[in-house]
Amino acid sequence: MFYKYEIKNNGTEDILYLYLTMSYEFSKELGYNTNDSDMTRRTKNFIENKGINFNGSKVYLVIDDIIVKALDIGKDQPNIELLKDALYYSNDHYLVKLKLENGAMIEITLREFLLGTLSSIIVPNLEKETLKAICVLYRTYAFKEMQENGFISSTNQFMIYKPISYYKLSWITNYDDIVKNLNTIMDETDCIFVTYNHSYILPYIHYCNNGKTQANKSIHYLNEVLSLWDLASPYYINIKDYSYQDISKLLKTKITNKSIFKILNMDNHTLLSKFKIDDSIYIGEEFIKLLDLKSRDLNIIINRDYIRFISKGWGEFLGLSIFGSNEIARNGCNFANIIKYYFPNVTLNKYIKELS
């Protein structure tokens, strides 16, 4: 792999130079498929196996006397468990059966599936590492659904799939750039997925929360995690007003400014779980869908002519926060750090096919 090495000091730190030649298959990989985490892993293995006394963090890879890549092997990165079988599970080889809303079944590549699902959650200013984290979670969902059910519904509680061409008009000025970026994100996370106790996890994702995510006692990889960045999100506060006539139509019952609202149950003292209006009982999730509200962290203000709903956050506050992930990424963390922050007890895995 590396035919020689040198340790040089630039005046402030030691730098390890690792030399390759283009005749090595490993060095050819630098041109297309190998990401930094893979390169860092192999470099660390070489240092350990050769017993090289190097305590620095900066490594230069040199091919035919030209420095082609710089690595920082000192960064604290979560471990990625490696499993053989990269070819079958790769973006362009793994096939997904998709059940469309009309009941028809189609078969597409994992790449096409990820393009269509990632496109549905894009909001302005998404960081690359945030999209990578979401990509890994959506890939995990594809593996899970195909393993357990043999197909994926194109619309489900975790994601919406539309062919990438569906977004061409809405992205008319930068469609090609967005597609290119999404393909890069898929390639740089190819074959990476997430498990808990050796089983694929579900991709719980929300746009922002009220300062912390929610734990779920029955789903052990969903923990309560602080996400104070979300309090500064432009999606944090949402206000919606309904006239009594409009809300009566939506809820199919007569509601007036004399109606009595009563909370029956709350999740973790924060999210509305069950409540009643006069004699009608509503489940929180169903209620916010009927009224197109952003979350169950809800304040209701009864006015003379209308009802005002003030919701905090956007989503169910489970798993990964997109806004929080963006802030983590801007502080220098990669997709693996993001996933491990919001899902502390999971394992990141990668199907690999060693070429050297």
Foldseek 3Di string as FASTA:
>chain_A
DFPDWDWDDPPPFIEIETEDEPVDPVVVCLVDFDAQVNVLVVVVVVCVVVVPPHDAFWYFYHYPNRGDDIHGSPDDFADAAEAADQQCQWQARPKAWEQEPVRDIDIDGNVQQLLFWLVVPDDPPFDLQLSLLLSQQVSLVRVQCCVPPVHYYCDDPQTHGDGLVVCCVVCVPCSVVVSVSSVVSRSNCTQKHKFFPPHRDHRDEFAAADQWFDADPVRHLWDIAGQNLRVPDPQFKDKDKDFQVRVCVLVVHRDALPWDKAQDDADVVFFGAWIDTRPRIDGQVVVCVSVVHFGRRWDWDRDHGIIMIMHGGGHDRTFAHSSSLRVVVVVPDGNSVRNCRRRVRMHMYGHDDDPD
